[in-house]
Amino acid sequence: MDNEIQLISDDDGLMVIGNAAEVDRFLISEGLSSSKDLGPRWLKSVFGAGAAVAQAGSEFAADSGRWVKLTPKSAQLVKKYGLRESSKTGFSTGVVKGQKGQIRGFVEFVKGPRSFLTNPAALANAAKLMSQVAMQQSMDEITDYLATIDAKVDDVLRAQKDTVLSRMIGVGIVIDETMTIREARGRVDETMWSKVQDAPTAIAETQVYALRQLDAIAEKMERQSKIGDLAATVREAESPVREWLAVLARCFQLQDAVAVLELDRVLDASPEELDGHRLGLKAARQDRKQLISRSTERLLGRMNAVAGTANAKVLLHPAKSPAAVQSSNQVAVGVHDFHERLGIESGRRSSEARRWVDAAAEVRDKALETGAKGVDAARSRGKVTLDRANSVRGKLSSGIAERARRLRGDGEGHDEEG
């Protein structure tokens, strides 16, 4: 069965397990070039040690595991191969059989209990592994994000007088060290866990502080009514917003690291609780996203309002209005980039600064349109007045002529009598 591979999918990714050559061939056939190698210990992390691994190896050729981030393209594979979803775990699993020698030969879904993950304990371990890989992928993306924006998170925290924020630096160092030890040992024992088990409190307090700073920036902009003050406020907000977003990203990264360590610790201490704990951590992670999203979306709303106000007043403030729009766009782009790295959906796009000449042209066009309508109305009114005048004049002329005729008639009558 060395031409069969196991597919496991959740909300975050797709795990492909099987013979190394078959796994590579499958990924190539589906156009999934970007994947993460699960490393040499993945099989042990799923099955444990000893006889379980030997038995799995005898039934299913599995020496390679790769993880693919869930995208619209990779999500289509779940539908394409008809993977079966478990209502208990939320995972979709199945085995796909390949045709040897054919790059695009994976077309047959294998029915029956051939999957080596029919073992509940093995599936729970695989679920843990997938959650950890997804969080580590997110952590790597946040590291890239912080490097891209050149944000010195520790410098930002040191500049604050709050002791909780300064403690966050030490917490981050301890978590990073523990992750390094985990990588070397392959497990998290009681001693390792004792170093980081209090870390979530300091991280959460720092996260709340950063969110309050963003809320304060949004409130400050809400109080500005003059375009000059608004432009200055938005410009001044660019750097602080970028810094506090970086702090939030670091908080999220450390929280994911603690969750990775926590899953290993639960597996080591209470393996029967592993699946339930994994689902709990997943729900808590989603709650953190929503908490962060409420503040950042409010900030985006203020940026949208700033751009709208500035564009509306571009004629009166041809220099300050475009500057305000540009600054608001800079902030908005930064928030969108932050959302993308954390997997937060965001819909607003940046507003293009409205050029003064465009606004002037629009006013001119409206004036011309209004003027043309005024001329037409005046012409219409003049025509009605002229018609009325002609009508009155006609009536007066007819009346005078009638009176003259009557007078002439009366005069002729008196002459005959005489």
Protein backbone atom coordinates (compact mmCIF):
# COMPACT_ATOMS: atom_id res chain seq x y z
CA MET A 1 0.00 0.00 0.00
CA ASP A 2 2.95 2.30 -0.53
CA ASN A 3 1.01 4.23 -3.17
CA GLU A 4 -1.66 5.37 -0.73
CA ILE A 5 -1.62 8.58 1.26
CA GLN A 6 -3.65 9.83 4.19
CA LEU A 7 -5.35 13.25 4.04
CA ILE A 8 -6.44 15.04 7.20
CA SER A 9 -8.06 18.48 7.05
CA ASP A 10 -9.25 21.00 9.62
CA ASP A 11 -10.11 24.71 9.53
CA ASP A 12 -6.46 25.72 9.27
CA GLY A 13 -4.68 23.25 7.06
CA LEU A 14 -4.32 19.95 5.25
CA MET A 15 -1.92 17.24 6.42
CA VAL A 16 -0.63 14.80 3.81
CA ILE A 17 0.88 11.57 5.20
CA GLY A 18 2.44 8.61 3.44
CA ASN A 19 5.51 7.43 1.58
CA ALA A 20 7.82 10.39 0.92
CA ALA A 21 7.83 9.91 -2.86
CA GLU A 22 4.04 9.52 -3.01
CA VAL A 23 3.47 12.58 -0.82
CA ASP A 24 5.69 14.69 -3.06
CA ARG A 25 3.99 13.34 -6.18
CA PHE A 26 0.56 14.11 -4.77
CA LEU A 27 1.50 17.69 -3.87
CA ILE A 28 2.94 18.25 -7.34
CA SER A 29 -0.13 16.75 -9.02
CA GLU A 30 -2.39 19.16 -7.12
CA GLY A 31 -0.18 22.19 -7.66
CA LEU A 32 0.55 22.59 -3.93
CA SER A 33 4.17 23.66 -4.05
CA SER A 34 4.18 25.46 -0.70
CA SER A 35 4.10 22.98 2.17
CA LYS A 36 5.75 22.53 5.53
CA ASP A 37 7.72 19.40 6.40
CA LEU A 38 6.48 18.08 9.74
CA GLY A 39 9.98 16.88 10.61
CA PRO A 40 11.45 13.54 11.62
CA ARG A 41 9.46 13.19 14.84
CA TRP A 42 5.98 13.56 13.37
CA LEU A 43 5.25 9.79 13.30
CA LYS A 44 6.17 9.35 16.95
CA SER A 45 4.10 12.38 17.92
CA VAL A 46 1.03 10.79 16.31
CA PHE A 47 1.42 7.17 17.40
CA GLY A 48 3.70 7.33 20.38
CA ALA A 49 6.58 4.89 20.57
CA GLY A 50 7.19 1.17 20.32
CA ALA A 51 4.69 -1.34 18.98
CA ALA A 52 2.16 1.25 17.82
CA VAL A 53 4.62 2.69 15.33
CA ALA A 54 5.71 -0.75 14.15
CA GLN A 55 2.12 -1.84 13.64
CA ALA A 56 1.25 1.34 11.76
CA GLY A 57 4.29 0.89 9.55
CA SER A 58 3.29 -2.66 8.66
CA GLU A 59 -0.20 -1.59 7.57
CA PHE A 60 0.52 1.72 5.97
CA ALA A 61 3.72 3.06 4.42
CA ALA A 62 4.09 6.37 6.24
CA ASP A 63 7.48 7.97 6.59
CA SER A 64 6.65 11.49 5.43
CA GLY A 65 4.24 14.12 6.65
CA ARG A 66 3.67 17.57 5.18
CA TRP A 67 1.28 20.35 6.12
CA VAL A 68 -0.36 22.79 3.71
CA LYS A 69 -2.02 25.99 4.88
CA LEU A 70 -5.71 25.98 4.04
CA THR A 71 -6.46 28.19 1.04
CA PRO A 72 -9.33 28.12 -1.45
CA LYS A 73 -7.15 25.89 -3.64
CA SER A 74 -6.22 23.36 -0.94
CA ALA A 75 -9.75 23.44 0.49
CA GLN A 76 -11.03 22.15 -2.85
CA LEU A 77 -9.21 18.87 -2.24
CA VAL A 78 -11.54 18.09 0.66
CA LYS A 79 -14.47 18.25 -1.75
CA LYS A 80 -12.61 16.67 -4.64
CA TYR A 81 -11.67 13.53 -2.75
CA GLY A 82 -14.82 13.32 -0.65
CA LEU A 83 -13.08 13.30 2.73
CA ARG A 84 -15.32 12.24 5.59
CA GLU A 85 -15.90 14.75 8.38
CA SER A 86 -16.14 13.66 12.00
CA SER A 87 -18.77 15.54 14.01
CA LYS A 88 -16.80 14.75 17.17
CA THR A 89 -13.42 16.14 16.14
CA GLY A 90 -14.37 18.43 13.25
CA PHE A 91 -11.67 16.81 11.11
CA SER A 92 -12.08 15.44 7.60
CA THR A 93 -10.06 12.33 6.83
CA GLY A 94 -9.57 9.82 4.05
CA VAL A 95 -7.10 7.75 2.08
CA VAL A 96 -6.31 8.44 -1.57
CA LYS A 97 -4.80 5.75 -3.79
CA GLY A 98 -2.28 6.71 -6.42
CA GLN A 99 -1.48 5.15 -9.78
CA LYS A 100 2.21 4.40 -9.97
CA GLY A 101 4.20 6.30 -12.51
CA GLN A 102 1.51 8.89 -13.15
CA ILE A 103 1.94 12.40 -11.83
CA ARG A 104 -1.81 13.03 -11.88
CA GLY A 105 -2.86 9.56 -10.85
CA PHE A 106 -4.51 10.34 -7.50
CA VAL A 107 -8.14 9.96 -8.37
CA GLU A 108 -9.46 7.09 -6.33
CA PHE A 109 -10.83 7.50 -2.83
CA VAL A 110 -10.14 4.32 -0.84
CA LYS A 111 -13.12 3.05 1.13
CA GLY A 112 -12.86 0.90 4.20
CA PRO A 113 -10.75 0.96 7.39
CA ARG A 114 -7.36 1.26 5.71
CA SER A 115 -6.53 4.57 7.36
CA PHE A 116 -4.01 4.16 10.15
CA LEU A 117 -5.78 7.06 11.89
CA THR A 118 -8.89 5.03 12.67
CA ASN A 119 -7.34 4.75 16.13
CA PRO A 120 -8.99 7.53 18.24
CA ALA A 121 -5.82 8.20 20.20
CA ALA A 122 -3.78 8.50 17.01
CA LEU A 123 -6.33 10.87 15.50
CA ALA A 124 -6.29 13.03 18.65
CA ASN A 125 -2.49 13.17 18.43
CA ALA A 126 -2.68 14.08 14.76
CA ALA A 127 -5.18 16.82 15.61
CA LYS A 128 -2.80 18.18 18.23
CA LEU A 129 0.05 18.14 15.74
CA MET A 130 -2.00 19.99 13.14
CA SER A 131 -3.03 22.66 15.64
CA GLN A 132 0.58 23.12 16.70
CA VAL A 133 1.83 23.34 13.12
CA ALA A 134 -0.85 25.92 12.25
CA MET A 135 0.08 28.05 15.28
CA GLN A 136 3.78 27.76 14.54
CA GLN A 137 3.08 28.85 10.97
CA SER A 138 1.25 31.88 12.34
CA MET A 139 4.16 32.60 14.68
CA ASP A 140 6.59 32.51 11.75
CA GLU A 141 4.39 34.90 9.77
CA ILE A 142 4.27 37.31 12.72
CA THR A 143 8.08 37.17 12.95
CA ASP A 144 8.24 38.12 9.27
CA TYR A 145 5.66 40.88 9.87
CA LEU A 146 7.68 42.42 12.71
CA ALA A 147 10.82 42.30 10.59
CA THR A 148 9.02 43.89 7.63
CA ILE A 149 7.74 46.89 9.59
CA ASP A 150 11.04 47.08 11.52
CA ALA A 151 9.15 47.31 14.80
CA LYS A 152 11.27 47.07 17.94
CA VAL A 153 8.64 45.74 20.30
CA ASP A 154 10.99 45.66 23.26
CA ASP A 155 11.84 49.34 22.71
CA VAL A 156 8.15 50.23 22.73
CA LEU A 157 7.58 48.30 25.95
CA ARG A 158 10.64 49.78 27.65
CA ALA A 159 9.40 53.28 26.89
CA GLN A 160 6.29 52.64 29.00
CA LYS A 161 6.32 53.21 32.75
CA ASP A 162 3.89 50.39 33.46
CA THR A 163 5.75 47.53 35.19
CA VAL A 164 3.43 44.96 33.58
CA LEU A 165 4.63 45.95 30.13
CA SER A 166 8.28 45.74 31.10
CA ARG A 167 7.62 42.27 32.57
CA MET A 168 6.35 41.23 29.16
CA ILE A 169 9.92 41.38 27.79
CA GLY A 170 11.12 38.85 30.34
CA VAL A 171 8.11 36.62 29.69
CA GLY A 172 8.89 36.58 25.99
CA ILE A 173 12.50 35.54 26.62
CA VAL A 174 11.43 32.65 28.87
CA ILE A 175 8.85 31.40 26.35
CA ASP A 176 11.34 31.54 23.49
CA GLU A 177 13.87 29.57 25.55
CA THR A 178 11.27 26.94 26.45
CA MET A 179 10.28 26.53 22.79
CA THR A 180 13.95 25.93 21.97
CA ILE A 181 14.23 23.23 24.63
CA ARG A 182 10.99 21.63 23.39
CA GLU A 183 12.43 21.47 19.88
CA ALA A 184 15.48 19.63 21.21
CA ARG A 185 13.64 17.25 23.55
CA GLY A 186 10.39 16.66 21.69
CA ARG A 187 8.21 17.02 24.80
CA VAL A 188 7.29 19.42 27.60
CA ASP A 189 7.85 18.08 31.10
CA GLU A 190 6.72 19.54 34.42
CA THR A 191 9.90 21.55 34.92
CA MET A 192 9.61 23.22 31.51
CA TRP A 193 5.93 23.98 31.98
CA SER A 194 6.51 25.54 35.41
CA LYS A 195 8.61 28.24 33.74
CA VAL A 196 5.81 29.48 31.49
CA GLN A 197 2.51 28.59 33.17
CA ASP A 198 2.08 32.11 34.61
CA ALA A 199 3.03 33.86 31.37
CA PRO A 200 -0.54 34.20 29.95
CA THR A 201 -1.47 36.73 32.66
CA ALA A 202 1.33 39.15 31.75
CA ILE A 203 0.64 38.69 28.03
CA ALA A 204 -3.09 39.36 28.46
CA GLU A 205 -2.46 42.52 30.49
CA THR A 206 -0.09 43.82 27.83
CA GLN A 207 -2.63 43.04 25.13
CA VAL A 208 -5.34 44.97 26.96
CA TYR A 209 -2.99 47.95 27.41
CA ALA A 210 -2.16 48.02 23.69
CA LEU A 211 -5.84 47.81 22.73
CA ARG A 212 -6.62 50.75 25.02
CA GLN A 213 -3.91 52.79 23.30
CA LEU A 214 -5.51 52.14 19.92
CA ASP A 215 -8.94 53.02 21.31
CA ALA A 216 -7.53 56.28 22.68
CA ILE A 217 -6.11 57.17 19.25
CA ALA A 218 -9.51 56.52 17.61
CA GLU A 219 -11.27 58.64 20.26
CA LYS A 220 -8.85 61.51 19.74
CA MET A 221 -9.64 61.58 16.04
CA GLU A 222 -13.37 61.49 16.76
CA ARG A 223 -13.04 64.76 18.70
CA GLN A 224 -11.45 66.66 15.80
CA SER A 225 -13.72 68.75 13.60
CA LYS A 226 -11.33 71.13 11.83
CA ILE A 227 -9.55 69.66 8.85
CA GLY A 228 -6.18 71.07 9.93
CA ASP A 229 -6.40 69.50 13.39
CA LEU A 230 -7.66 66.26 11.87
CA ALA A 231 -4.78 66.07 9.40
CA ALA A 232 -2.25 66.67 12.18
CA THR A 233 -3.85 64.09 14.47
CA VAL A 234 -3.86 61.39 11.80
CA ARG A 235 -0.27 62.14 10.84
CA GLU A 236 0.82 61.90 14.47
CA ALA A 237 -1.04 58.58 14.82
CA GLU A 238 0.87 56.74 12.08
CA SER A 239 3.88 55.74 14.19
CA PRO A 240 2.05 54.92 17.47
CA VAL A 241 -0.51 52.78 15.63
CA ARG A 242 2.25 50.80 13.92
CA GLU A 243 4.03 50.30 17.26
CA TRP A 244 0.95 49.15 19.19
CA LEU A 245 -0.03 46.80 16.38
CA ALA A 246 3.44 45.31 16.67
CA VAL A 247 2.95 44.83 20.41
CA LEU A 248 -0.39 43.10 19.76
CA ALA A 249 1.24 40.85 17.16
CA ARG A 250 3.95 39.87 19.64
CA CYS A 251 1.30 39.14 22.28
CA PHE A 252 -0.56 36.91 19.84
CA GLN A 253 2.66 35.17 18.89
CA LEU A 254 3.57 34.43 22.52
CA GLN A 255 0.03 33.24 23.28
CA ASP A 256 0.31 30.76 20.38
CA ALA A 257 3.68 29.61 21.70
CA VAL A 258 2.20 28.96 25.15
CA ALA A 259 -0.65 27.01 23.52
CA VAL A 260 1.85 24.84 21.62
CA LEU A 261 3.68 24.08 24.87
CA GLU A 262 0.38 23.50 26.67
CA LEU A 263 -0.76 20.85 24.20
CA ASP A 264 2.49 18.95 24.63
CA ARG A 265 2.15 19.19 28.39
CA VAL A 266 -1.43 17.85 28.34
CA LEU A 267 -0.34 14.97 26.10
CA ASP A 268 2.42 14.16 28.56
CA ALA A 269 0.27 14.45 31.71
CA SER A 270 -3.36 13.71 30.71
CA PRO A 271 -3.54 12.30 27.18
CA GLU A 272 -7.23 11.40 27.55
CA GLU A 273 -8.00 15.15 27.85
CA LEU A 274 -5.99 16.13 24.80
CA ASP A 275 -8.79 16.52 22.26
CA GLY A 276 -11.05 18.52 24.56
CA HIS A 277 -8.18 20.77 25.58
CA ARG A 278 -7.26 21.37 21.95
CA LEU A 279 -10.80 22.48 21.13
CA GLY A 280 -10.81 24.77 24.17
CA LEU A 281 -7.57 26.43 23.09
CA LYS A 282 -8.96 26.87 19.58
CA ALA A 283 -12.07 28.63 20.91
CA ALA A 284 -9.96 30.88 23.16
CA ARG A 285 -7.75 31.81 20.21
CA GLN A 286 -10.80 32.82 18.18
CA ASP A 287 -12.03 34.95 21.10
CA ARG A 288 -8.69 36.78 21.16
CA LYS A 289 -9.01 37.52 17.46
CA GLN A 290 -12.48 38.97 17.96
CA LEU A 291 -11.31 41.11 20.88
CA ILE A 292 -8.48 42.55 18.82
CA SER A 293 -10.71 42.97 15.78
CA ARG A 294 -13.19 45.17 17.64
CA SER A 295 -10.53 47.79 18.39
CA THR A 296 -8.76 47.64 15.03
CA GLU A 297 -12.02 47.77 13.06
CA ARG A 298 -13.04 50.85 15.02
CA LEU A 299 -9.73 52.42 14.06
CA LEU A 300 -10.35 51.54 10.41
CA GLY A 301 -13.78 53.14 10.69
CA ARG A 302 -12.19 56.37 11.89
CA MET A 303 -9.71 56.27 8.99
CA ASN A 304 -12.62 55.89 6.58
CA ALA A 305 -14.39 58.85 8.18
CA VAL A 306 -11.22 60.96 8.02
CA ALA A 307 -10.82 60.24 4.31
CA GLY A 308 -14.46 61.09 3.66
CA THR A 309 -14.27 64.37 5.57
CA ALA A 310 -10.99 65.36 3.95
CA ASN A 311 -12.23 64.60 0.44
CA ALA A 312 -15.39 66.62 1.04
CA LYS A 313 -13.33 69.69 2.04
CA VAL A 314 -10.58 69.46 -0.54
CA LEU A 315 -11.62 72.74 -2.21
CA LEU A 316 -11.30 74.68 1.03
CA HIS A 317 -8.12 72.87 2.09
CA PRO A 318 -6.27 71.80 -1.08
CA ALA A 319 -3.05 70.98 0.83
CA LYS A 320 -4.26 69.59 4.16
CA SER A 321 -7.05 67.39 2.81
CA PRO A 322 -4.85 65.15 0.60
CA ALA A 323 -2.32 64.89 3.43
CA ALA A 324 -5.05 63.70 5.79
CA VAL A 325 -6.23 61.09 3.29
CA GLN A 326 -2.69 59.87 2.69
CA SER A 327 -2.01 59.49 6.42
CA SER A 328 -5.31 57.70 6.99
CA ASN A 329 -4.45 55.31 4.15
CA GLN A 330 -1.06 54.60 5.69
CA VAL A 331 -2.71 53.65 8.97
CA ALA A 332 -5.39 51.58 7.21
CA VAL A 333 -2.83 49.65 5.14
CA GLY A 334 -0.91 48.88 8.33
CA VAL A 335 -4.04 47.55 10.03
CA HIS A 336 -4.92 45.42 7.01
CA ASP A 337 -1.43 43.93 6.95
CA PHE A 338 -1.73 43.19 10.67
CA HIS A 339 -5.12 41.53 10.11
CA GLU A 340 -3.71 39.35 7.35
CA ARG A 341 -0.88 38.06 9.52
CA LEU A 342 -3.28 37.18 12.33
CA GLY A 343 -5.92 35.69 10.05
CA ILE A 344 -8.52 38.39 10.76
CA GLU A 345 -10.94 39.17 7.96
CA SER A 346 -10.96 42.81 6.93
CA GLY A 347 -12.97 44.46 4.18
CA ARG A 348 -12.06 48.14 3.98
CA ARG A 349 -9.80 49.40 1.24
CA SER A 350 -7.78 52.58 1.29
CA SER A 351 -9.37 55.79 0.06
CA GLU A 352 -7.75 57.59 -2.81
CA ALA A 353 -6.99 61.22 -2.07
CA ARG A 354 -9.30 63.40 -4.07
CA ARG A 355 -7.41 65.87 -6.19
CA TRP A 356 -8.28 69.53 -5.87
CA VAL A 357 -8.68 69.92 -9.64
CA ASP A 358 -11.14 67.01 -9.69
CA ALA A 359 -13.18 68.57 -6.92
CA ALA A 360 -13.03 71.98 -8.63
CA ALA A 361 -14.11 70.44 -11.92
CA GLU A 362 -17.03 68.77 -10.19
CA VAL A 363 -18.10 72.09 -8.62
CA ARG A 364 -17.71 73.80 -12.00
CA ASP A 365 -19.79 71.14 -13.72
CA LYS A 366 -22.48 71.46 -11.09
CA ALA A 367 -22.45 75.22 -11.45
CA LEU A 368 -22.73 74.98 -15.21
CA GLU A 369 -25.52 72.45 -14.88
CA THR A 370 -27.31 74.66 -12.39
CA GLY A 371 -26.75 77.71 -14.60
CA ALA A 372 -28.08 75.93 -17.65
CA LYS A 373 -31.14 74.90 -15.74
CA GLY A 374 -31.53 78.51 -14.58
CA VAL A 375 -31.33 79.83 -18.13
CA ASP A 376 -33.88 77.31 -19.33
CA ALA A 377 -36.14 78.20 -16.44
CA ALA A 378 -35.76 81.91 -17.15
CA ARG A 379 -36.51 81.35 -20.80
CA SER A 380 -39.54 79.32 -19.89
CA ARG A 381 -40.74 81.94 -17.43
CA GLY A 382 -40.08 84.70 -20.00
CA LYS A 383 -42.05 82.89 -22.64
CA VAL A 384 -44.99 82.45 -20.30
CA THR A 385 -44.85 86.14 -19.34
CA LEU A 386 -44.63 87.20 -22.97
CA ASP A 387 -47.57 85.02 -23.88
CA ARG A 388 -49.54 86.49 -21.03
CA ALA A 389 -48.58 90.04 -22.09
CA ASN A 390 -49.55 89.34 -25.68
CA SER A 391 -52.82 87.91 -24.50
CA VAL A 392 -53.56 90.95 -22.35
CA ARG A 393 -52.53 93.31 -25.12
CA GLY A 394 -54.75 91.47 -27.54
CA LYS A 395 -57.68 91.70 -25.16
CA LEU A 396 -57.08 95.42 -24.61
CA SER A 397 -56.89 96.07 -28.35
CA SER A 398 -60.08 94.15 -28.96
CA GLY A 399 -61.83 96.04 -26.21
CA ILE A 400 -60.77 99.46 -27.49
CA ALA A 401 -61.76 98.60 -31.04
CA GLU A 402 -65.16 97.39 -29.84
CA ARG A 403 -65.78 100.61 -27.88
CA ALA A 404 -64.76 102.74 -30.88
CA ARG A 405 -67.12 100.83 -33.10
CA ARG A 406 -69.97 101.30 -30.67
CA LEU A 407 -69.29 105.03 -30.39
CA ARG A 408 -69.30 105.39 -34.16
CA GLY A 409 -72.57 103.57 -34.32
CA ASP A 410 -74.20 105.80 -31.73
CA GLY A 411 -73.04 108.94 -33.50
CA GLU A 412 -74.51 107.90 -36.83
CA GLY A 413 -77.88 107.30 -35.21
CA HIS A 414 -78.12 110.80 -33.74
CA ASP A 415 -77.35 112.42 -37.14
CA GLU A 416 -80.26 110.64 -38.87
CA GLU A 417 -82.73 111.80 -36.25
CA GLY A 418 -81.67 115.35 -36.65
